[in-house]
């Protein structure tokens, strides 16, 4: 049976936080931010804004999807390489109302996948074998189910240490190497 890989969208495939910060700085500008300033998952609380305002900015991030950069060059090729190990599904907590924008972004960047699951929380309830994600909250929950999380290194998750089930990665190439070499050795034909 092929390995089932749950691949996150925001912060793993897309530089959505970079775009969020651009929009925040241009519209609100009260506190100029950089992505490196975001040191915790619920960073918006420290800005003195509501989760609703945080989500409104994210709505704009996805409404303006052509301006949303991939986290890495050749992102479509890198996801295809992961797919050589098994089934790749896009799994995100992103609102399902963003589905048309998400599909357009994935198509524009040549990202092929089996299925898309949006508005998923917690991700640990899914039956995937391994997750590639940037959420420290999801990482801890998934690891608690004895499944692997390749935690995409981001400023907001650096407080989470590596463990048996949480392995930090800086790129999808590194995720592929860890999956093929450490997590599921022998999965390549």
N, C-alpha and C. Protein backbone atom coordinates (compact mmCIF):
# COMPACT_ATOMS: atom_id res chain seq x y z
N UNK A 1 0.86 -1.18 0.00
CA UNK A 1 0.00 0.00 0.00
C UNK A 1 0.90 1.24 0.00
N UNK A 2 0.62 2.19 -0.88
CA UNK A 2 1.49 3.38 -0.95
C UNK A 2 1.37 4.25 0.30
N UNK A 3 2.43 4.98 0.56
CA UNK A 3 2.47 5.92 1.67
C UNK A 3 1.49 7.06 1.37
N UNK A 4 0.71 7.45 2.36
CA UNK A 4 -0.22 8.58 2.20
C UNK A 4 0.39 9.80 2.86
N UNK A 5 0.68 10.82 2.04
CA UNK A 5 1.35 12.04 2.50
C UNK A 5 0.34 13.19 2.51
N UNK A 6 0.20 13.83 3.68
CA UNK A 6 -0.63 15.03 3.82
C UNK A 6 0.29 16.24 3.74
N UNK A 7 0.14 17.02 2.69
CA UNK A 7 1.01 18.16 2.42
C UNK A 7 0.26 19.45 2.69
N UNK A 8 0.76 20.23 3.64
CA UNK A 8 0.12 21.49 4.03
C UNK A 8 0.33 22.54 2.94
N UNK A 9 -0.48 23.55 2.97
CA UNK A 9 -0.48 24.61 1.96
C UNK A 9 0.26 25.85 2.46
N UNK A 10 -0.33 26.54 3.43
CA UNK A 10 0.23 27.80 3.94
C UNK A 10 1.50 27.52 4.74
N UNK A 11 2.59 28.17 4.36
CA UNK A 11 3.84 28.02 5.09
C UNK A 11 4.66 26.81 4.70
N UNK A 12 4.11 25.96 3.83
CA UNK A 12 4.84 24.79 3.33
C UNK A 12 4.97 24.89 1.81
N UNK A 13 3.84 25.02 1.11
CA UNK A 13 3.88 25.23 -0.33
C UNK A 13 3.91 26.72 -0.68
N UNK A 14 3.10 27.50 0.01
CA UNK A 14 2.99 28.93 -0.30
C UNK A 14 3.62 29.79 0.78
N UNK A 15 4.14 30.92 0.37
CA UNK A 15 4.67 31.91 1.32
C UNK A 15 3.52 32.82 1.74
N UNK A 16 2.48 32.21 2.27
CA UNK A 16 1.29 32.98 2.63
C UNK A 16 1.54 33.95 3.77
N UNK A 17 2.44 33.58 4.69
CA UNK A 17 2.72 34.52 5.78
C UNK A 17 3.51 35.71 5.26
N UNK A 18 4.37 35.51 4.29
CA UNK A 18 5.06 36.64 3.67
C UNK A 18 4.06 37.59 3.04
N UNK A 19 3.08 37.04 2.35
CA UNK A 19 2.04 37.86 1.73
C UNK A 19 1.15 38.50 2.79
N UNK A 20 0.83 37.75 3.86
CA UNK A 20 0.02 38.29 4.94
C UNK A 20 0.71 39.52 5.52
N UNK A 21 2.01 39.42 5.76
CA UNK A 21 2.79 40.52 6.33
C UNK A 21 2.79 41.72 5.38
N UNK A 22 2.93 41.48 4.08
CA UNK A 22 2.88 42.59 3.10
C UNK A 22 1.55 43.33 3.18
N UNK A 23 0.47 42.57 3.22
CA UNK A 23 -0.87 43.20 3.30
C UNK A 23 -1.03 43.93 4.62
N UNK A 24 -0.64 43.30 5.72
CA UNK A 24 -0.73 43.92 7.04
C UNK A 24 0.02 45.25 7.05
N UNK A 25 1.27 45.23 6.60
CA UNK A 25 2.10 46.44 6.62
C UNK A 25 1.53 47.54 5.73
N UNK A 26 0.93 47.19 4.61
CA UNK A 26 0.41 48.22 3.70
C UNK A 26 -0.94 48.76 4.16
N UNK A 27 -1.77 47.93 4.80
CA UNK A 27 -3.11 48.38 5.19
C UNK A 27 -3.18 48.92 6.61
N UNK A 28 -2.47 48.26 7.50
CA UNK A 28 -2.62 48.60 8.91
C UNK A 28 -1.41 49.35 9.44
N UNK A 29 -0.23 48.87 9.11
CA UNK A 29 1.01 49.56 9.39
C UNK A 29 1.28 50.02 10.80
N UNK A 30 0.36 49.76 11.72
CA UNK A 30 0.58 50.19 13.10
C UNK A 30 1.85 49.57 13.65
N UNK A 31 2.01 48.29 13.38
CA UNK A 31 3.22 47.58 13.81
C UNK A 31 3.81 46.92 12.58
N UNK A 32 4.88 47.47 12.07
CA UNK A 32 5.52 46.90 10.88
C UNK A 32 6.10 45.55 11.25
N UNK A 33 5.83 44.57 10.43
CA UNK A 33 6.24 43.20 10.71
C UNK A 33 7.11 42.64 9.61
N UNK A 34 7.88 41.62 9.96
CA UNK A 34 8.52 40.75 8.98
C UNK A 34 8.13 39.33 9.37
N UNK A 35 8.32 38.39 8.48
CA UNK A 35 7.99 37.00 8.80
C UNK A 35 8.82 36.53 9.99
N UNK A 36 10.07 36.96 10.08
CA UNK A 36 10.93 36.55 11.19
C UNK A 36 10.42 37.06 12.55
N UNK A 37 9.58 38.10 12.54
CA UNK A 37 9.00 38.62 13.78
C UNK A 37 7.91 37.70 14.34
N UNK A 38 7.41 36.80 13.53
CA UNK A 38 6.30 35.94 13.94
C UNK A 38 6.89 34.73 14.67
N UNK A 39 6.88 34.79 15.99
CA UNK A 39 7.54 33.79 16.82
C UNK A 39 6.60 32.81 17.50
N UNK A 40 5.30 32.99 17.31
CA UNK A 40 4.35 32.07 17.91
C UNK A 40 3.18 31.86 16.97
N UNK A 41 2.49 30.74 17.15
CA UNK A 41 1.42 30.34 16.24
C UNK A 41 0.28 31.36 16.25
N UNK A 42 -0.15 31.81 17.41
CA UNK A 42 -1.24 32.79 17.52
C UNK A 42 -0.68 34.20 17.67
N UNK A 43 0.29 34.54 16.81
CA UNK A 43 0.99 35.83 16.90
C UNK A 43 0.05 37.02 16.81
N UNK A 44 -1.08 36.85 16.17
CA UNK A 44 -2.01 37.96 15.96
C UNK A 44 -2.51 38.53 17.30
N UNK A 45 -2.53 37.70 18.33
CA UNK A 45 -2.95 38.19 19.65
C UNK A 45 -2.02 39.31 20.12
N UNK A 46 -0.71 39.14 19.89
CA UNK A 46 0.27 40.16 20.29
C UNK A 46 0.15 41.45 19.50
N UNK A 47 -0.53 41.40 18.36
CA UNK A 47 -0.76 42.60 17.57
C UNK A 47 -1.97 43.38 18.07
N UNK A 48 -2.70 42.76 18.99
CA UNK A 48 -3.89 43.42 19.52
C UNK A 48 -5.06 43.39 18.54
N UNK A 49 -5.09 42.38 17.68
CA UNK A 49 -6.20 42.26 16.73
C UNK A 49 -6.98 40.99 17.05
N UNK A 50 -8.16 40.91 16.50
CA UNK A 50 -8.98 39.72 16.70
C UNK A 50 -8.62 38.66 15.67
N UNK A 51 -9.05 37.44 15.94
CA UNK A 51 -8.84 36.38 14.96
C UNK A 51 -9.61 36.70 13.68
N UNK A 52 -10.71 37.39 13.81
CA UNK A 52 -11.50 37.79 12.64
C UNK A 52 -10.67 38.70 11.73
N UNK A 53 -9.99 39.68 12.30
CA UNK A 53 -9.14 40.56 11.49
C UNK A 53 -8.00 39.77 10.87
N UNK A 54 -7.38 38.87 11.63
CA UNK A 54 -6.33 38.00 11.10
C UNK A 54 -6.85 37.24 9.88
N UNK A 55 -8.05 36.67 10.01
CA UNK A 55 -8.64 35.90 8.90
C UNK A 55 -9.03 36.79 7.72
N UNK A 56 -9.45 38.02 7.98
CA UNK A 56 -9.77 38.94 6.88
C UNK A 56 -8.53 39.22 6.03
N UNK A 57 -7.38 39.36 6.68
CA UNK A 57 -6.14 39.56 5.93
C UNK A 57 -5.83 38.29 5.14
N UNK A 58 -6.04 37.12 5.74
CA UNK A 58 -5.81 35.86 5.01
C UNK A 58 -6.76 35.73 3.83
N UNK A 59 -8.00 36.22 3.98
CA UNK A 59 -8.92 36.22 2.84
C UNK A 59 -8.32 37.01 1.67
N UNK A 60 -7.72 38.15 1.99
CA UNK A 60 -7.10 38.95 0.94
C UNK A 60 -5.88 38.25 0.35
N UNK A 61 -5.12 37.56 1.19
CA UNK A 61 -3.97 36.79 0.69
C UNK A 61 -4.44 35.86 -0.42
N UNK A 62 -5.52 35.14 -0.19
CA UNK A 62 -5.99 34.17 -1.17
C UNK A 62 -6.79 34.79 -2.31
N UNK A 63 -7.49 35.90 -2.05
CA UNK A 63 -8.17 36.59 -3.17
C UNK A 63 -7.16 37.10 -4.18
N UNK A 64 -5.98 37.45 -3.71
CA UNK A 64 -4.91 37.96 -4.59
C UNK A 64 -3.88 36.86 -4.86
N UNK A 65 -4.36 35.63 -5.04
CA UNK A 65 -3.49 34.46 -5.18
C UNK A 65 -2.40 34.59 -6.25
N UNK A 66 -2.60 35.33 -7.36
CA UNK A 66 -1.48 35.43 -8.32
C UNK A 66 -0.24 36.10 -7.73
N UNK A 67 -0.40 36.86 -6.64
CA UNK A 67 0.75 37.51 -6.00
C UNK A 67 1.41 36.63 -4.94
N UNK A 68 0.82 35.48 -4.67
CA UNK A 68 1.29 34.57 -3.63
C UNK A 68 2.44 33.72 -4.17
N UNK A 69 3.60 33.89 -3.55
CA UNK A 69 4.81 33.18 -4.00
C UNK A 69 4.87 31.77 -3.42
N UNK A 70 5.49 30.87 -4.18
CA UNK A 70 5.76 29.54 -3.60
C UNK A 70 6.90 29.64 -2.59
N UNK A 71 6.96 28.72 -1.67
CA UNK A 71 8.03 28.70 -0.68
C UNK A 71 9.38 28.35 -1.31
N UNK A 72 9.33 27.62 -2.43
CA UNK A 72 10.56 27.18 -3.10
C UNK A 72 10.37 27.26 -4.61
N UNK A 73 11.48 27.41 -5.31
CA UNK A 73 11.42 27.33 -6.76
C UNK A 73 11.11 25.90 -7.17
N UNK A 74 10.52 25.75 -8.35
CA UNK A 74 10.20 24.43 -8.90
C UNK A 74 9.34 23.60 -7.94
N UNK A 75 8.39 24.24 -7.30
CA UNK A 75 7.57 23.59 -6.29
C UNK A 75 6.79 22.40 -6.87
N UNK A 76 6.30 22.54 -8.11
CA UNK A 76 5.56 21.45 -8.74
C UNK A 76 6.42 20.20 -8.92
N UNK A 77 7.65 20.39 -9.34
CA UNK A 77 8.57 19.26 -9.52
C UNK A 77 8.88 18.60 -8.18
N UNK A 78 9.01 19.40 -7.14
CA UNK A 78 9.34 18.85 -5.83
C UNK A 78 8.17 18.05 -5.26
N UNK A 79 6.96 18.50 -5.51
CA UNK A 79 5.79 17.74 -5.06
C UNK A 79 5.68 16.44 -5.87
N UNK A 80 5.99 16.51 -7.16
CA UNK A 80 5.97 15.28 -7.98
C UNK A 80 6.98 14.26 -7.46
N UNK A 81 8.11 14.74 -7.02
CA UNK A 81 9.13 13.84 -6.45
C UNK A 81 8.57 13.16 -5.19
N UNK A 82 7.89 13.93 -4.34
CA UNK A 82 7.25 13.33 -3.16
C UNK A 82 6.22 12.28 -3.57
N UNK A 83 5.51 12.55 -4.66
CA UNK A 83 4.48 11.62 -5.13
C UNK A 83 5.08 10.29 -5.59
N UNK A 84 6.37 10.27 -5.89
CA UNK A 84 7.00 9.00 -6.26
C UNK A 84 7.04 8.04 -5.06
N UNK A 85 6.82 8.57 -3.86
CA UNK A 85 6.80 7.75 -2.65
C UNK A 85 5.40 7.25 -2.31
N UNK A 86 4.38 7.86 -2.89
CA UNK A 86 3.01 7.45 -2.58
C UNK A 86 2.00 8.50 -2.99
N UNK A 87 0.91 8.53 -2.28
CA UNK A 87 -0.20 9.44 -2.57
C UNK A 87 0.04 10.77 -1.86
N UNK A 88 -0.11 11.88 -2.59
CA UNK A 88 0.04 13.22 -2.00
C UNK A 88 -1.31 13.92 -2.03
N UNK A 89 -1.79 14.28 -0.83
CA UNK A 89 -3.01 15.06 -0.71
C UNK A 89 -2.65 16.41 -0.12
N UNK A 90 -3.31 17.46 -0.59
CA UNK A 90 -3.17 18.79 -0.01
C UNK A 90 -4.13 18.84 1.17
N UNK A 91 -3.60 19.12 2.37
CA UNK A 91 -4.40 19.12 3.58
C UNK A 91 -4.12 20.43 4.32
N UNK A 92 -5.18 21.22 4.51
CA UNK A 92 -4.99 22.55 5.10
C UNK A 92 -6.16 22.93 5.99
N UNK A 93 -5.86 23.76 6.95
CA UNK A 93 -6.91 24.36 7.77
C UNK A 93 -7.55 25.54 7.07
N UNK A 94 -7.03 25.94 5.92
CA UNK A 94 -7.54 27.06 5.14
C UNK A 94 -9.03 26.87 4.88
N UNK A 95 -9.78 27.94 4.89
CA UNK A 95 -11.23 27.90 4.69
C UNK A 95 -11.58 27.30 3.32
N UNK A 96 -12.65 26.54 3.31
CA UNK A 96 -13.10 25.94 2.05
C UNK A 96 -13.57 27.00 1.04
N UNK A 97 -13.87 28.21 1.51
CA UNK A 97 -14.26 29.27 0.56
C UNK A 97 -13.09 29.69 -0.32
N UNK A 98 -11.87 29.30 0.07
CA UNK A 98 -10.69 29.63 -0.72
C UNK A 98 -10.38 28.57 -1.78
N UNK A 99 -11.20 27.53 -1.87
CA UNK A 99 -10.91 26.42 -2.79
C UNK A 99 -10.64 26.86 -4.22
N UNK A 100 -11.44 27.74 -4.82
CA UNK A 100 -11.12 28.13 -6.21
C UNK A 100 -9.75 28.79 -6.33
N UNK A 101 -9.39 29.61 -5.36
CA UNK A 101 -8.08 30.28 -5.39
C UNK A 101 -6.96 29.27 -5.19
N UNK A 102 -7.17 28.33 -4.27
CA UNK A 102 -6.16 27.30 -3.99
C UNK A 102 -5.92 26.47 -5.25
N UNK A 103 -7.00 26.02 -5.89
CA UNK A 103 -6.86 25.21 -7.11
C UNK A 103 -6.13 25.99 -8.20
N UNK A 104 -6.46 27.27 -8.35
CA UNK A 104 -5.80 28.10 -9.36
C UNK A 104 -4.31 28.24 -9.05
N UNK A 105 -3.98 28.47 -7.79
CA UNK A 105 -2.57 28.62 -7.40
C UNK A 105 -1.80 27.33 -7.68
N UNK A 106 -2.38 26.19 -7.27
CA UNK A 106 -1.72 24.90 -7.48
C UNK A 106 -1.51 24.64 -8.97
N UNK A 107 -2.52 24.94 -9.78
CA UNK A 107 -2.40 24.73 -11.23
C UNK A 107 -1.32 25.63 -11.81
N UNK A 108 -1.31 26.90 -11.41
CA UNK A 108 -0.33 27.85 -11.94
C UNK A 108 1.10 27.39 -11.65
N UNK A 109 1.31 26.73 -10.52
CA UNK A 109 2.65 26.32 -10.12
C UNK A 109 2.93 24.85 -10.42
N UNK A 110 2.03 24.20 -11.18
CA UNK A 110 2.27 22.83 -11.61
C UNK A 110 2.29 21.82 -10.48
N UNK A 111 1.53 22.09 -9.42
CA UNK A 111 1.48 21.18 -8.28
C UNK A 111 0.35 20.18 -8.52
N UNK A 112 0.74 18.91 -8.72
CA UNK A 112 -0.25 17.84 -8.91
C UNK A 112 -0.45 17.13 -7.57
N UNK A 113 -1.67 16.68 -7.34
CA UNK A 113 -2.05 16.08 -6.08
C UNK A 113 -3.20 15.11 -6.33
N UNK A 114 -3.48 14.28 -5.35
CA UNK A 114 -4.59 13.35 -5.48
C UNK A 114 -5.91 13.99 -5.06
N UNK A 115 -5.92 14.59 -3.86
CA UNK A 115 -7.13 15.22 -3.32
C UNK A 115 -6.75 16.47 -2.54
N UNK A 116 -7.75 17.32 -2.34
CA UNK A 116 -7.58 18.50 -1.49
C UNK A 116 -8.57 18.38 -0.33
N UNK A 117 -8.05 18.58 0.87
CA UNK A 117 -8.88 18.62 2.07
C UNK A 117 -8.66 19.98 2.72
N UNK A 118 -9.68 20.84 2.70
CA UNK A 118 -9.59 22.15 3.34
C UNK A 118 -10.45 22.17 4.60
N UNK A 119 -10.20 23.16 5.43
CA UNK A 119 -10.94 23.36 6.69
C UNK A 119 -10.80 22.15 7.61
N UNK A 120 -9.62 21.53 7.61
CA UNK A 120 -9.37 20.35 8.43
C UNK A 120 -8.74 20.77 9.76
N UNK A 121 -9.40 20.40 10.85
CA UNK A 121 -8.86 20.66 12.17
C UNK A 121 -9.55 19.74 13.16
N UNK A 122 -8.80 18.96 13.88
CA UNK A 122 -7.36 18.78 13.80
C UNK A 122 -7.01 17.80 12.66
N UNK A 123 -5.83 17.96 12.13
CA UNK A 123 -5.38 17.10 11.04
C UNK A 123 -5.13 15.67 11.51
N UNK A 124 -4.89 15.51 12.80
CA UNK A 124 -4.61 14.18 13.35
C UNK A 124 -5.78 13.21 13.17
N UNK A 125 -6.96 13.72 12.87
CA UNK A 125 -8.11 12.83 12.67
C UNK A 125 -8.09 12.15 11.31
N UNK A 126 -7.22 12.62 10.41
CA UNK A 126 -7.10 12.00 9.09
C UNK A 126 -6.25 10.73 9.18
N UNK A 127 -6.32 9.91 8.15
CA UNK A 127 -5.63 8.61 8.19
C UNK A 127 -4.31 8.60 7.43
N UNK A 128 -3.73 9.75 7.16
CA UNK A 128 -2.46 9.81 6.43
C UNK A 128 -1.33 9.21 7.27
N UNK A 129 -0.32 8.70 6.58
CA UNK A 129 0.84 8.09 7.25
C UNK A 129 1.83 9.13 7.74
N UNK A 130 1.98 10.22 6.99
CA UNK A 130 2.97 11.25 7.30
C UNK A 130 2.40 12.61 6.90
N UNK A 131 2.79 13.63 7.64
CA UNK A 131 2.31 14.99 7.40
C UNK A 131 3.52 15.89 7.21
N UNK A 132 3.45 16.77 6.23
CA UNK A 132 4.45 17.82 6.05
C UNK A 132 3.72 19.12 6.35
N UNK A 133 4.09 19.76 7.46
CA UNK A 133 3.30 20.88 7.99
C UNK A 133 4.22 21.87 8.67
N UNK A 134 3.68 23.06 8.96
CA UNK A 134 4.45 24.07 9.69
C UNK A 134 3.81 24.44 11.02
N UNK A 135 2.66 23.89 11.32
CA UNK A 135 1.95 24.23 12.56
C UNK A 135 2.53 23.47 13.74
N UNK A 136 2.99 24.20 14.76
CA UNK A 136 3.48 23.51 15.95
C UNK A 136 2.35 22.78 16.68
N UNK A 137 1.16 23.32 16.63
CA UNK A 137 0.01 22.70 17.30
C UNK A 137 -0.33 21.38 16.63
N UNK A 138 -0.44 21.40 15.30
CA UNK A 138 -0.75 20.17 14.55
C UNK A 138 0.37 19.16 14.72
N UNK A 139 1.62 19.61 14.69
CA UNK A 139 2.76 18.69 14.81
C UNK A 139 2.69 17.90 16.11
N UNK A 140 2.44 18.57 17.21
CA UNK A 140 2.38 17.89 18.51
C UNK A 140 1.20 16.92 18.55
N UNK A 141 0.05 17.34 18.03
CA UNK A 141 -1.13 16.46 18.03
C UNK A 141 -0.89 15.22 17.17
N UNK A 142 -0.34 15.42 15.98
CA UNK A 142 -0.11 14.29 15.07
C UNK A 142 0.94 13.35 15.66
N UNK A 143 2.02 13.89 16.17
CA UNK A 143 3.07 13.05 16.79
C UNK A 143 2.49 12.23 17.93
N UNK A 144 1.50 12.78 18.62
CA UNK A 144 0.85 12.06 19.72
C UNK A 144 0.08 10.83 19.25
N UNK A 145 -0.15 10.72 17.94
CA UNK A 145 -0.83 9.54 17.38
C UNK A 145 0.18 8.56 16.79
N UNK A 146 1.47 8.76 17.08
CA UNK A 146 2.57 7.90 16.61
C UNK A 146 2.67 7.89 15.08
N UNK A 147 2.42 9.07 14.48
CA UNK A 147 2.66 9.23 13.05
C UNK A 147 3.66 10.35 12.86
N UNK A 148 4.33 10.33 11.73
CA UNK A 148 5.42 11.27 11.48
C UNK A 148 4.93 12.62 10.97
N UNK A 149 5.62 13.65 11.45
CA UNK A 149 5.43 15.01 10.96
C UNK A 149 6.79 15.54 10.54
N UNK A 150 6.88 15.95 9.30
CA UNK A 150 8.07 16.66 8.84
C UNK A 150 7.70 18.13 9.00
N UNK A 151 8.26 18.75 10.02
CA UNK A 151 7.90 20.11 10.39
C UNK A 151 8.73 21.09 9.58
N UNK A 152 8.06 21.78 8.67
CA UNK A 152 8.73 22.78 7.83
C UNK A 152 9.19 23.92 8.72
N UNK A 153 10.49 24.13 8.79
CA UNK A 153 11.07 25.13 9.68
C UNK A 153 10.52 26.52 9.38
N UNK A 154 9.95 27.12 10.41
CA UNK A 154 9.42 28.49 10.34
C UNK A 154 9.67 29.14 11.70
N UNK A 155 9.75 30.47 11.74
CA UNK A 155 9.99 31.14 13.02
C UNK A 155 8.98 30.77 14.11
N UNK A 156 7.73 30.52 13.73
CA UNK A 156 6.67 30.25 14.71
C UNK A 156 6.68 28.82 15.23
N UNK A 157 7.55 27.96 14.71
CA UNK A 157 7.57 26.59 15.23
C UNK A 157 8.93 26.18 15.79
N UNK A 158 9.83 27.12 15.93
CA UNK A 158 11.19 26.78 16.37
C UNK A 158 11.28 26.35 17.82
N UNK A 159 10.23 26.53 18.58
CA UNK A 159 10.22 26.07 19.96
C UNK A 159 9.88 24.59 20.09
N UNK A 160 9.51 23.96 19.00
CA UNK A 160 9.16 22.54 19.01
C UNK A 160 10.42 21.73 18.71
N UNK A 161 10.87 20.90 19.64
CA UNK A 161 12.08 20.11 19.39
C UNK A 161 11.79 18.89 18.51
N UNK A 162 12.82 18.42 17.83
CA UNK A 162 12.70 17.15 17.12
C UNK A 162 12.42 16.06 18.13
N UNK A 163 11.73 15.02 17.68
CA UNK A 163 11.45 13.86 18.52
C UNK A 163 11.39 12.65 17.60
N UNK A 164 10.98 11.54 18.14
CA UNK A 164 10.87 10.34 17.30
C UNK A 164 9.95 10.58 16.12
N UNK A 165 8.86 11.34 16.33
CA UNK A 165 7.86 11.53 15.29
C UNK A 165 7.84 12.93 14.68
N UNK A 166 8.62 13.85 15.21
CA UNK A 166 8.69 15.20 14.64
C UNK A 166 10.11 15.43 14.14
N UNK A 167 10.24 15.58 12.82
CA UNK A 167 11.53 15.80 12.19
C UNK A 167 11.48 17.14 11.46
N UNK A 168 12.39 18.02 11.77
CA UNK A 168 12.42 19.36 11.16
C UNK A 168 13.05 19.28 9.77
N UNK A 169 12.43 19.97 8.80
CA UNK A 169 12.98 20.05 7.45
C UNK A 169 12.95 21.51 6.99
N UNK A 170 13.87 21.85 6.11
CA UNK A 170 13.94 23.22 5.59
C UNK A 170 13.46 23.32 4.15
N UNK A 171 13.17 22.18 3.51
CA UNK A 171 12.73 22.20 2.11
C UNK A 171 12.00 20.90 1.79
N UNK A 172 11.32 20.89 0.66
CA UNK A 172 10.66 19.66 0.22
C UNK A 172 11.68 18.63 -0.24
N UNK A 173 12.83 19.08 -0.74
CA UNK A 173 13.89 18.13 -1.08
C UNK A 173 14.36 17.40 0.18
N UNK A 174 14.54 18.15 1.26
CA UNK A 174 14.95 17.52 2.51
C UNK A 174 13.84 16.60 3.04
N UNK A 175 12.59 16.99 2.86
CA UNK A 175 11.47 16.13 3.26
C UNK A 175 11.52 14.82 2.48
N UNK A 176 11.76 14.89 1.19
CA UNK A 176 11.86 13.68 0.37
C UNK A 176 12.97 12.78 0.89
N UNK A 177 14.14 13.37 1.13
CA UNK A 177 15.29 12.58 1.61
C UNK A 177 14.98 11.90 2.94
N UNK A 178 14.34 12.61 3.86
CA UNK A 178 14.01 12.02 5.16
C UNK A 178 12.97 10.92 5.01
N UNK A 179 11.97 11.15 4.15
CA UNK A 179 10.94 10.13 3.94
C UNK A 179 11.54 8.87 3.31
N UNK A 180 12.30 9.05 2.25
CA UNK A 180 12.84 7.91 1.51
C UNK A 180 13.96 7.20 2.29
N UNK A 181 14.72 7.96 3.06
CA UNK A 181 15.89 7.39 3.71
C UNK A 181 15.69 6.97 5.15
N UNK A 182 14.81 7.69 5.88
CA UNK A 182 14.68 7.44 7.33
C UNK A 182 13.30 6.92 7.74
N UNK A 183 12.26 7.60 7.25
CA UNK A 183 10.91 7.29 7.73
C UNK A 183 10.35 6.04 7.06
N UNK A 184 10.45 5.96 5.74
CA UNK A 184 9.94 4.82 4.98
C UNK A 184 11.01 4.30 4.03
N UNK A 185 12.14 3.82 4.56
CA UNK A 185 13.19 3.34 3.66
C UNK A 185 12.68 2.19 2.80
N UNK A 186 13.14 2.18 1.56
CA UNK A 186 12.75 1.11 0.64
C UNK A 186 11.45 1.38 -0.08
N UNK A 187 10.89 2.60 0.02
CA UNK A 187 9.63 2.89 -0.66
C UNK A 187 9.81 3.23 -2.13
N UNK A 188 11.03 3.59 -2.52
CA UNK A 188 11.27 3.90 -3.93
C UNK A 188 11.36 2.61 -4.72
N UNK A 189 10.77 2.60 -5.92
CA UNK A 189 10.84 1.39 -6.76
C UNK A 189 12.27 1.09 -7.18
